[in-house]
Amino acid sequence: METKKNNSEYIPEFDKSFRHPRYWGAWLGVAAMAGIALTPPKFRDPILARLGRFAGRLGKSSRRRALINLSLCFPERSEAEREAIVDEMFCHRAASDGNDG
């Protein structure tokens, strides 16, 4: 029996079980991300900003945590200003997810 010397000798093979319907959601997600990555930034960024703002409204615990942090860091800012900062944060985060490196 031959032992592998390092990880570079590993050749992955596509497992046919990944075509099972339970993985279709993951495949749709991969296809959506690929589609988003291939669109021009001028078209993509406004859409992702709206999507980020929507996700920020749905993510109650993340939004609450961000508002608490902002209230501790910027007690002089009004509640409306802190809400605007959090909205902007979610907009920029959605648009920058693919641009981290």
PDB file of N, CA and C in Angstrom:
ATOM      1  N   MET A   1       0.841  -1.172   0.000  1.00  0.00           N
ATOM      2  CA  MET A   1       0.000   0.000   0.000  1.00  0.00           C
ATOM      3  C   MET A   1       0.889   1.239   0.000  1.00  0.00           C
ATOM      4  N   GLU A   2       0.544   2.155  -0.864  1.00  0.00           N
ATOM      5  CA  GLU A   2       1.342   3.365  -1.013  1.00  0.00           C
ATOM      6  C   GLU A   2       0.733   4.487  -0.176  1.00  0.00           C
ATOM      7  N   THR A   3       1.551   5.181   0.574  1.00  0.00           N
ATOM      8  CA  THR A   3       1.050   6.286   1.388  1.00  0.00           C
ATOM      9  C   THR A   3       1.277   7.609   0.667  1.00  0.00           C
ATOM     10  N   LYS A   4       0.387   8.539   0.917  1.00  0.00           N
ATOM     11  CA  LYS A   4       0.529   9.862   0.316  1.00  0.00           C
ATOM     12  C   LYS A   4       1.613  10.632   1.055  1.00  0.00           C
ATOM     13  N   LYS A   5       2.407  11.374   0.297  1.00  0.00           N
ATOM     14  CA  LYS A   5       3.477  12.154   0.898  1.00  0.00           C
ATOM     15  C   LYS A   5       3.000  13.538   1.322  1.00  0.00           C
ATOM     16  N   ASN A   6       2.062  14.113   0.580  1.00  0.00           N
ATOM     17  CA  ASN A   6       1.540  15.430   0.939  1.00  0.00           C
ATOM     18  C   ASN A   6       0.148  15.612   0.337  1.00  0.00           C
ATOM     19  N   ASN A   7      -0.456  16.729   0.631  1.00  0.00           N
ATOM     20  CA  ASN A   7      -1.827  16.978   0.179  1.00  0.00           C
ATOM     21  C   ASN A   7      -1.925  17.289  -1.302  1.00  0.00           C
ATOM     22  N   SER A   8      -0.829  17.624  -1.953  1.00  0.00           N
ATOM     23  CA  SER A   8      -0.903  17.981  -3.367  1.00  0.00           C
ATOM     24  C   SER A   8      -1.184  16.768  -4.249  1.00  0.00           C
ATOM     25  N   GLU A   9      -1.086  15.584  -3.707  1.00  0.00           N
ATOM     26  CA  GLU A   9      -1.371  14.377  -4.475  1.00  0.00           C
ATOM     27  C   GLU A   9      -2.865  14.049  -4.502  1.00  0.00           C
ATOM     28  N   TYR A  10      -3.657  14.754  -3.721  1.00  0.00           N
ATOM     29  CA  TYR A  10      -5.093  14.489  -3.651  1.00  0.00           C
ATOM     30  C   TYR A  10      -5.780  15.078  -4.873  1.00  0.00           C
ATOM     31  N   ILE A  11      -6.520  14.267  -5.586  1.00  0.00           N
ATOM     32  CA  ILE A  11      -7.281  14.715  -6.745  1.00  0.00           C
ATOM     33  C   ILE A  11      -8.757  14.528  -6.409  1.00  0.00           C
ATOM     34  N   PRO A  12      -9.475  15.635  -6.169  1.00  0.00           N
ATOM     35  CA  PRO A  12     -10.884  15.506  -5.787  1.00  0.00           C
ATOM     36  C   PRO A  12     -11.736  15.038  -6.957  1.00  0.00           C
ATOM     37  N   GLU A  13     -12.766  14.294  -6.640  1.00  0.00           N
ATOM     38  CA  GLU A  13     -13.709  13.823  -7.645  1.00  0.00           C
ATOM     39  C   GLU A  13     -15.099  14.309  -7.255  1.00  0.00           C
ATOM     40  N   PHE A  14     -15.887  14.663  -8.268  1.00  0.00           N
ATOM     41  CA  PHE A  14     -17.246  15.127  -8.018  1.00  0.00           C
ATOM     42  C   PHE A  14     -18.113  13.941  -7.627  1.00  0.00           C
ATOM     43  N   ASP A  15     -18.730  14.038  -6.471  1.00  0.00           N
ATOM     44  CA  ASP A  15     -19.599  12.976  -5.988  1.00  0.00           C
ATOM     45  C   ASP A  15     -20.990  13.170  -6.589  1.00  0.00           C
ATOM     46  N   LYS A  16     -21.521  12.158  -7.225  1.00  0.00           N
ATOM     47  CA  LYS A  16     -22.819  12.264  -7.896  1.00  0.00           C
ATOM     48  C   LYS A  16     -23.961  12.531  -6.918  1.00  0.00           C
ATOM     49  N   SER A  17     -23.742  12.274  -5.648  1.00  0.00           N
ATOM     50  CA  SER A  17     -24.812  12.523  -4.678  1.00  0.00           C
ATOM     51  C   SER A  17     -25.084  14.018  -4.505  1.00  0.00           C
ATOM     52  N   PHE A  18     -24.160  14.876  -4.939  1.00  0.00           N
ATOM     53  CA  PHE A  18     -24.382  16.320  -4.841  1.00  0.00           C
ATOM     54  C   PHE A  18     -25.467  16.803  -5.796  1.00  0.00           C
ATOM     55  N   ARG A  19     -25.901  15.955  -6.716  1.00  0.00           N
ATOM     56  CA  ARG A  19     -26.996  16.316  -7.618  1.00  0.00           C
ATOM     57  C   ARG A  19     -28.359  16.006  -7.012  1.00  0.00           C
ATOM     58  N   HIS A  20     -28.382  15.469  -5.825  1.00  0.00           N
ATOM     59  CA  HIS A  20     -29.622  15.139  -5.131  1.00  0.00           C
ATOM     60  C   HIS A  20     -30.413  16.424  -4.864  1.00  0.00           C
ATOM     61  N   PRO A  21     -31.753  16.364  -4.913  1.00  0.00           N
ATOM     62  CA  PRO A  21     -32.568  17.579  -4.714  1.00  0.00           C
ATOM     63  C   PRO A  21     -32.285  18.329  -3.416  1.00  0.00           C
ATOM     64  N   ARG A  22     -31.786  17.663  -2.405  1.00  0.00           N
ATOM     65  CA  ARG A  22     -31.537  18.382  -1.156  1.00  0.00           C
ATOM     66  C   ARG A  22     -30.425  19.411  -1.307  1.00  0.00           C
ATOM     67  N   TYR A  23     -29.573  19.287  -2.330  1.00  0.00           N
ATOM     68  CA  TYR A  23     -28.492  20.242  -2.574  1.00  0.00           C
ATOM     69  C   TYR A  23     -28.851  21.295  -3.617  1.00  0.00           C
ATOM     70  N   TRP A  24     -30.038  21.265  -4.178  1.00  0.00           N
ATOM     71  CA  TRP A  24     -30.400  22.204  -5.232  1.00  0.00           C
ATOM     72  C   TRP A  24     -30.367  23.647  -4.742  1.00  0.00           C
ATOM     73  N   GLY A  25     -30.744  23.869  -3.510  1.00  0.00           N
ATOM     74  CA  GLY A  25     -30.681  25.226  -2.958  1.00  0.00           C
ATOM     75  C   GLY A  25     -29.254  25.752  -2.920  1.00  0.00           C
ATOM     76  N   ALA A  26     -28.324  24.894  -2.543  1.00  0.00           N
ATOM     77  CA  ALA A  26     -26.916  25.300  -2.530  1.00  0.00           C
ATOM     78  C   ALA A  26     -26.427  25.597  -3.940  1.00  0.00           C
ATOM     79  N   TRP A  27     -26.842  24.777  -4.903  1.00  0.00           N
ATOM     80  CA  TRP A  27     -26.434  25.012  -6.291  1.00  0.00           C
ATOM     81  C   TRP A  27     -27.031  26.311  -6.819  1.00  0.00           C
ATOM     82  N   LEU A  28     -28.273  26.601  -6.446  1.00  0.00           N
ATOM     83  CA  LEU A  28     -28.876  27.877  -6.855  1.00  0.00           C
ATOM     84  C   LEU A  28     -28.129  29.056  -6.238  1.00  0.00           C
ATOM     85  N   GLY A  29     -27.704  28.892  -4.996  1.00  0.00           N
ATOM     86  CA  GLY A  29     -26.917  29.943  -4.349  1.00  0.00           C
ATOM     87  C   GLY A  29     -25.583  30.167  -5.035  1.00  0.00           C
ATOM     88  N   VAL A  30     -24.918  29.082  -5.411  1.00  0.00           N
ATOM     89  CA  VAL A  30     -23.645  29.197  -6.132  1.00  0.00           C
ATOM     90  C   VAL A  30     -23.864  29.881  -7.474  1.00  0.00           C
ATOM     91  N   ALA A  31     -24.922  29.498  -8.178  1.00  0.00           N
ATOM     92  CA  ALA A  31     -25.215  30.114  -9.478  1.00  0.00           C
ATOM     93  C   ALA A  31     -25.549  31.597  -9.315  1.00  0.00           C
ATOM     94  N   ALA A  32     -26.293  31.946  -8.269  1.00  0.00           N
ATOM     95  CA  ALA A  32     -26.630  33.351  -8.038  1.00  0.00           C
ATOM     96  C   ALA A  32     -25.381  34.168  -7.730  1.00  0.00           C
ATOM     97  N   MET A  33     -24.501  33.623  -6.909  1.00  0.00           N
ATOM     98  CA  MET A  33     -23.255  34.333  -6.594  1.00  0.00           C
ATOM     99  C   MET A  33     -22.380  34.495  -7.829  1.00  0.00           C
ATOM    100  N   ALA A  34     -22.337  33.464  -8.658  1.00  0.00           N
ATOM    101  CA  ALA A  34     -21.556  33.568  -9.896  1.00  0.00           C
ATOM    102  C   ALA A  34     -22.159  34.628 -10.809  1.00  0.00           C
ATOM    103  N   GLY A  35     -23.475  34.660 -10.894  1.00  0.00           N
ATOM    104  CA  GLY A  35     -24.133  35.672 -11.712  1.00  0.00           C
ATOM    105  C   GLY A  35     -23.878  37.077 -11.199  1.00  0.00           C
ATOM    106  N   ILE A  36     -23.919  37.246  -9.891  1.00  0.00           N
ATOM    107  CA  ILE A  36     -23.647  38.557  -9.299  1.00  0.00           C
ATOM    108  C   ILE A  36     -22.199  38.964  -9.544  1.00  0.00           C
ATOM    109  N   ALA A  37     -21.283  38.011  -9.429  1.00  0.00           N
ATOM    110  CA  ALA A  37     -19.864  38.320  -9.628  1.00  0.00           C
ATOM    111  C   ALA A  37     -19.568  38.732 -11.059  1.00  0.00           C
ATOM    112  N   LEU A  38     -20.335  38.243 -12.007  1.00  0.00           N
ATOM    113  CA  LEU A  38     -20.072  38.536 -13.412  1.00  0.00           C
ATOM    114  C   LEU A  38     -20.770  39.796 -13.919  1.00  0.00           C
ATOM    115  N   THR A  39     -21.645  40.386 -13.121  1.00  0.00           N
ATOM    116  CA  THR A  39     -22.324  41.608 -13.566  1.00  0.00           C
ATOM    117  C   THR A  39     -21.416  42.815 -13.337  1.00  0.00           C
ATOM    118  N   PRO A  40     -21.562  43.848 -14.142  1.00  0.00           N
ATOM    119  CA  PRO A  40     -20.739  45.051 -13.976  1.00  0.00           C
ATOM    120  C   PRO A  40     -21.045  45.747 -12.644  1.00  0.00           C
ATOM    121  N   PRO A  41     -20.025  46.287 -11.985  1.00  0.00           N
ATOM    122  CA  PRO A  41     -20.232  46.927 -10.678  1.00  0.00           C
ATOM    123  C   PRO A  41     -21.237  48.073 -10.704  1.00  0.00           C
ATOM    124  N   LYS A  42     -21.304  48.795 -11.801  1.00  0.00           N
ATOM    125  CA  LYS A  42     -22.228  49.926 -11.895  1.00  0.00           C
ATOM    126  C   LYS A  42     -23.684  49.461 -11.787  1.00  0.00           C
ATOM    127  N   PHE A  43     -23.959  48.274 -12.258  1.00  0.00           N
ATOM    128  CA  PHE A  43     -25.295  47.691 -12.185  1.00  0.00           C
ATOM    129  C   PHE A  43     -25.482  46.925 -10.879  1.00  0.00           C
ATOM    130  N   ARG A  44     -24.426  46.214 -10.445  1.00  0.00           N
ATOM    131  CA  ARG A  44     -24.497  45.317  -9.298  1.00  0.00           C
ATOM    132  C   ARG A  44     -24.583  46.053  -7.966  1.00  0.00           C
ATOM    133  N   ASP A  45     -23.776  47.092  -7.773  1.00  0.00           N
ATOM    134  CA  ASP A  45     -23.669  47.722  -6.462  1.00  0.00           C
ATOM    135  C   ASP A  45     -24.971  48.343  -5.950  1.00  0.00           C
ATOM    136  N   PRO A  46     -25.751  49.052  -6.778  1.00  0.00           N
ATOM    137  CA  PRO A  46     -27.025  49.568  -6.250  1.00  0.00           C
ATOM    138  C   PRO A  46     -28.004  48.459  -5.842  1.00  0.00           C
ATOM    139  N   ILE A  47     -27.994  47.374  -6.586  1.00  0.00           N
ATOM    140  CA  ILE A  47     -28.880  46.253  -6.241  1.00  0.00           C
ATOM    141  C   ILE A  47     -28.451  45.633  -4.917  1.00  0.00           C
ATOM    142  N   LEU A  48     -27.144  45.430  -4.749  1.00  0.00           N
ATOM    143  CA  LEU A  48     -26.651  44.851  -3.504  1.00  0.00           C
ATOM    144  C   LEU A  48     -26.857  45.798  -2.324  1.00  0.00           C
ATOM    145  N   ALA A  49     -26.802  47.107  -2.570  1.00  0.00           N
ATOM    146  CA  ALA A  49     -27.061  48.065  -1.490  1.00  0.00           C
ATOM    147  C   ALA A  49     -28.507  47.943  -1.006  1.00  0.00           C
ATOM    148  N   ARG A  50     -29.443  47.830  -1.943  1.00  0.00           N
ATOM    149  CA  ARG A  50     -30.854  47.654  -1.553  1.00  0.00           C
ATOM    150  C   ARG A  50     -31.060  46.324  -0.827  1.00  0.00           C
ATOM    151  N   LEU A  51     -30.405  45.294  -1.335  1.00  0.00           N
ATOM    152  CA  LEU A  51     -30.503  43.984  -0.700  1.00  0.00           C
ATOM    153  C   LEU A  51     -29.911  44.019   0.709  1.00  0.00           C
ATOM    154  N   GLY A  52     -28.801  44.727   0.872  1.00  0.00           N
ATOM    155  CA  GLY A  52     -28.186  44.862   2.191  1.00  0.00           C
ATOM    156  C   GLY A  52     -29.063  45.624   3.161  1.00  0.00           C
ATOM    157  N   ARG A  53     -29.702  46.676   2.676  1.00  0.00           N
ATOM    158  CA  ARG A  53     -30.608  47.443   3.537  1.00  0.00           C
ATOM    159  C   ARG A  53     -31.789  46.565   3.970  1.00  0.00           C
ATOM    160  N   PHE A  54     -32.302  45.770   3.034  1.00  0.00           N
ATOM    161  CA  PHE A  54     -33.408  44.860   3.347  1.00  0.00           C
ATOM    162  C   PHE A  54     -32.960  43.806   4.367  1.00  0.00           C
ATOM    163  N   ALA A  55     -31.772  43.240   4.156  1.00  0.00           N
ATOM    164  CA  ALA A  55     -31.249  42.238   5.094  1.00  0.00           C
ATOM    165  C   ALA A  55     -31.005  42.855   6.466  1.00  0.00           C
ATOM    166  N   GLY A  56     -30.581  44.109   6.479  1.00  0.00           N
ATOM    167  CA  GLY A  56     -30.367  44.795   7.752  1.00  0.00           C
ATOM    168  C   GLY A  56     -31.651  44.995   8.528  1.00  0.00           C
ATOM    169  N   ARG A  57     -32.741  45.181   7.820  1.00  0.00           N
ATOM    170  CA  ARG A  57     -34.039  45.320   8.489  1.00  0.00           C
ATOM    171  C   ARG A  57     -34.529  43.970   9.009  1.00  0.00           C
ATOM    172  N   LEU A  58     -34.186  42.896   8.312  1.00  0.00           N
ATOM    173  CA  LEU A  58     -34.623  41.563   8.747  1.00  0.00           C
ATOM    174  C   LEU A  58     -33.760  41.007   9.879  1.00  0.00           C
ATOM    175  N   GLY A  59     -32.478  41.322   9.864  1.00  0.00           N
ATOM    176  CA  GLY A  59     -31.554  40.797  10.873  1.00  0.00           C
ATOM    177  C   GLY A  59     -31.663  41.575  12.170  1.00  0.00           C
ATOM    178  N   LYS A  60     -32.664  41.283  12.941  1.00  0.00           N
ATOM    179  CA  LYS A  60     -32.964  42.067  14.144  1.00  0.00           C
ATOM    180  C   LYS A  60     -31.828  42.023  15.166  1.00  0.00           C
ATOM    181  N   SER A  61     -31.241  40.856  15.398  1.00  0.00           N
ATOM    182  CA  SER A  61     -30.203  40.778  16.429  1.00  0.00           C
ATOM    183  C   SER A  61     -28.935  41.510  15.994  1.00  0.00           C
ATOM    184  N   SER A  62     -28.562  41.405  14.721  1.00  0.00           N
ATOM    185  CA  SER A  62     -27.384  42.126  14.231  1.00  0.00           C
ATOM    186  C   SER A  62     -27.614  43.628  14.291  1.00  0.00           C
ATOM    187  N   ARG A  63     -28.802  44.036  13.911  1.00  0.00           N
ATOM    188  CA  ARG A  63     -29.140  45.464  13.927  1.00  0.00           C
ATOM    189  C   ARG A  63     -29.134  45.987  15.360  1.00  0.00           C
ATOM    190  N   ARG A  64     -29.712  45.237  16.267  1.00  0.00           N
ATOM    191  CA  ARG A  64     -29.762  45.647  17.674  1.00  0.00           C
ATOM    192  C   ARG A  64     -28.352  45.760  18.254  1.00  0.00           C
ATOM    193  N   ARG A  65     -27.503  44.783  17.941  1.00  0.00           N
ATOM    194  CA  ARG A  65     -26.121  44.793  18.417  1.00  0.00           C
ATOM    195  C   ARG A  65     -25.366  46.020  17.888  1.00  0.00           C
ATOM    196  N   ALA A  66     -25.562  46.322  16.602  1.00  0.00           N
ATOM    197  CA  ALA A  66     -24.895  47.486  16.011  1.00  0.00           C
ATOM    198  C   ALA A  66     -25.384  48.780  16.654  1.00  0.00           C
ATOM    199  N   LEU A  67     -26.683  48.870  16.921  1.00  0.00           N
ATOM    200  CA  LEU A  67     -27.221  50.080  17.554  1.00  0.00           C
ATOM    201  C   LEU A  67     -26.705  50.246  18.981  1.00  0.00           C
ATOM    202  N   ILE A  68     -26.574  49.150  19.702  1.00  0.00           N
ATOM    203  CA  ILE A  68     -26.026  49.223  21.065  1.00  0.00           C
ATOM    204  C   ILE A  68     -24.575  49.688  21.016  1.00  0.00           C
ATOM    205  N   ASN A  69     -23.793  49.127  20.101  1.00  0.00           N
ATOM    206  CA  ASN A  69     -22.394  49.537  19.975  1.00  0.00           C
ATOM    207  C   ASN A  69     -22.285  51.017  19.619  1.00  0.00           C
ATOM    208  N   LEU A  70     -23.121  51.470  18.696  1.00  0.00           N
ATOM    209  CA  LEU A  70     -23.077  52.880  18.313  1.00  0.00           C
ATOM    210  C   LEU A  70     -23.519  53.789  19.454  1.00  0.00           C
ATOM    211  N   SER A  71     -24.494  53.349  20.244  1.00  0.00           N
ATOM    212  CA  SER A  71     -24.936  54.183  21.369  1.00  0.00           C
ATOM    213  C   SER A  71     -23.843  54.293  22.427  1.00  0.00           C
ATOM    214  N   LEU A  72     -23.031  53.246  22.565  1.00  0.00           N
ATOM    215  CA  LEU A  72     -21.928  53.301  23.521  1.00  0.00           C
ATOM    216  C   LEU A  72     -20.755  54.121  22.982  1.00  0.00           C
ATOM    217  N   CYS A  73     -20.517  54.030  21.681  1.00  0.00           N
ATOM    218  CA  CYS A  73     -19.389  54.756  21.077  1.00  0.00           C
ATOM    219  C   CYS A  73     -19.723  56.219  20.803  1.00  0.00           C
ATOM    220  N   PHE A  74     -20.947  56.492  20.417  1.00  0.00           N
ATOM    221  CA  PHE A  74     -21.360  57.847  20.048  1.00  0.00           C
ATOM    222  C   PHE A  74     -22.611  58.253  20.822  1.00  0.00           C
ATOM    223  N   PRO A  75     -22.486  58.500  22.118  1.00  0.00           N
ATOM    224  CA  PRO A  75     -23.683  58.876  22.887  1.00  0.00           C
ATOM    225  C   PRO A  75     -24.241  60.238  22.482  1.00  0.00           C
ATOM    226  N   GLU A  76     -23.409  61.069  21.842  1.00  0.00           N
ATOM    227  CA  GLU A  76     -23.872  62.405  21.450  1.00  0.00           C
ATOM    228  C   GLU A  76     -24.736  62.382  20.196  1.00  0.00           C
ATOM    229  N   ARG A  77     -24.708  61.289  19.438  1.00  0.00           N
ATOM    230  CA  ARG A  77     -25.510  61.189  18.208  1.00  0.00           C
ATOM    231  C   ARG A  77     -26.956  60.850  18.560  1.00  0.00           C
ATOM    232  N   SER A  78     -27.859  61.358  17.733  1.00  0.00           N
ATOM    233  CA  SER A  78     -29.278  61.063  17.959  1.00  0.00           C
ATOM    234  C   SER A  78     -29.588  59.638  17.487  1.00  0.00           C
ATOM    235  N   GLU A  79     -30.749  59.154  17.893  1.00  0.00           N
ATOM    236  CA  GLU A  79     -31.175  57.801  17.500  1.00  0.00           C
ATOM    237  C   GLU A  79     -31.328  57.699  15.987  1.00  0.00           C
ATOM    238  N   ALA A  80     -31.840  58.749  15.358  1.00  0.00           N
ATOM    239  CA  ALA A  80     -32.015  58.750  13.898  1.00  0.00           C
ATOM    240  C   ALA A  80     -30.667  58.685  13.182  1.00  0.00           C
ATOM    241  N   GLU A  81     -29.670  59.391  13.707  1.00  0.00           N
ATOM    242  CA  GLU A  81     -28.332  59.345  13.101  1.00  0.00           C
ATOM    243  C   GLU A  81     -27.728  57.950  13.218  1.00  0.00           C
ATOM    244  N   ARG A  82     -27.909  57.335  14.371  1.00  0.00           N
ATOM    245  CA  ARG A  82     -27.378  55.973  14.554  1.00  0.00           C
ATOM    246  C   ARG A  82     -28.092  54.981  13.644  1.00  0.00           C
ATOM    247  N   GLU A  83     -29.400  55.143  13.467  1.00  0.00           N
ATOM    248  CA  GLU A  83     -30.151  54.280  12.539  1.00  0.00           C
ATOM    249  C   GLU A  83     -29.618  54.437  11.117  1.00  0.00           C
ATOM    250  N   ALA A  84     -29.328  55.677  10.722  1.00  0.00           N
ATOM    251  CA  ALA A  84     -28.798  55.929   9.379  1.00  0.00           C
ATOM    252  C   ALA A  84     -27.420  55.291   9.210  1.00  0.00           C
ATOM    253  N   ILE A  85     -26.601  55.343  10.250  1.00  0.00           N
ATOM    254  CA  ILE A  85     -25.273  54.724  10.185  1.00  0.00           C
ATOM    255  C   ILE A  85     -25.401  53.212  10.022  1.00  0.00           C
ATOM    256  N   VAL A  86     -26.322  52.606  10.757  1.00  0.00           N
ATOM    257  CA  VAL A  86     -26.517  51.153  10.657  1.00  0.00           C
ATOM    258  C   VAL A  86     -27.039  50.777   9.273  1.00  0.00           C
ATOM    259  N   ASP A  87     -27.977  51.550   8.736  1.00  0.00           N
ATOM    260  CA  ASP A  87     -28.469  51.285   7.376  1.00  0.00           C
ATOM    261  C   ASP A  87     -27.330  51.352   6.363  1.00  0.00           C
ATOM    262  N   GLU A  88     -26.498  52.371   6.495  1.00  0.00           N
ATOM    263  CA  GLU A  88     -25.369  52.525   5.581  1.00  0.00           C
ATOM    264  C   GLU A  88     -24.377  51.369   5.730  1.00  0.00           C
ATOM    265  N   MET A  89     -24.185  50.923   6.974  1.00  0.00           N
ATOM    266  CA  MET A  89     -23.275  49.809   7.220  1.00  0.00           C
ATOM    267  C   MET A  89     -23.754  48.547   6.503  1.00  0.00           C
ATOM    268  N   PHE A  90     -25.041  48.248   6.599  1.00  0.00           N
ATOM    269  CA  PHE A  90     -25.563  47.058   5.935  1.00  0.00           C
ATOM    270  C   PHE A  90     -25.493  47.192   4.419  1.00  0.00           C
ATOM    271  N   CYS A  91     -25.714  48.397   3.898  1.00  0.00           N
ATOM    272  CA  CYS A  91     -25.614  48.614   2.443  1.00  0.00           C
ATOM    273  C   CYS A  91     -24.205  48.339   1.956  1.00  0.00           C
ATOM    274  N   HIS A  92     -23.220  48.874   2.658  1.00  0.00           N
ATOM    275  CA  HIS A  92     -21.834  48.698   2.231  1.00  0.00           C
ATOM    276  C   HIS A  92     -21.358  47.268   2.439  1.00  0.00           C
ATOM    277  N   ARG A  93     -21.856  46.616   3.455  1.00  0.00           N
ATOM    278  CA  ARG A  93     -21.432  45.237   3.715  1.00  0.00           C
ATOM    279  C   ARG A  93     -21.907  44.301   2.612  1.00  0.00           C
ATOM    280  N   ALA A  94     -23.116  44.472   2.154  1.00  0.00           N
ATOM    281  CA  ALA A  94     -23.628  43.604   1.086  1.00  0.00           C
ATOM    282  C   ALA A  94     -22.852  43.820  -0.202  1.00  0.00           C
ATOM    283  N   ALA A  95     -22.486  45.053  -0.491  1.00  0.00           N
ATOM    284  CA  ALA A  95     -21.766  45.345  -1.728  1.00  0.00           C
ATOM    285  C   ALA A  95     -20.312  44.921  -1.646  1.00  0.00           C
ATOM    286  N   SER A  96     -19.758  44.774  -0.446  1.00  0.00           N
ATOM    287  CA  SER A  96     -18.335  44.457  -0.334  1.00  0.00           C
ATOM    288  C   SER A  96     -18.062  42.988  -0.046  1.00  0.00           C
ATOM    289  N   ASP A  97     -19.083  42.149   0.071  1.00  0.00           N
ATOM    290  CA  ASP A  97     -18.861  40.745   0.416  1.00  0.00           C
ATOM    291  C   ASP A  97     -17.920  40.030  -0.544  1.00  0.00           C
ATOM    292  N   GLY A  98     -17.981  40.328  -1.804  1.00  0.00           N
ATOM    293  CA  GLY A  98     -17.107  39.653  -2.755  1.00  0.00           C
ATOM    294  C   GLY A  98     -15.803  40.369  -3.005  1.00  0.00           C
ATOM    295  N   ASN A  99     -15.582  41.501  -2.356  1.00  0.00           N
ATOM    296  CA  ASN A  99     -14.408  42.312  -2.644  1.00  0.00           C
ATOM    297  C   ASN A  99     -13.433  42.357  -1.481  1.00  0.00           C
ATOM    298  N   ASP A 100     -13.371  41.312  -0.681  1.00  0.00           N
ATOM    299  CA  ASP A 100     -12.535  41.339   0.513  1.00  0.00           C
ATOM    300  C   ASP A 100     -11.062  41.063   0.244  1.00  0.00           C
ATOM    301  N   GLY A 101     -10.705  40.657  -0.920  1.00  0.00           N
ATOM    302  CA  GLY A 101      -9.323  40.267  -1.062  1.00  0.00           C
ATOM    303  C   GLY A 101      -8.662  40.828  -2.223  1.00  0.00           C
TER     304      GLY A 101
END
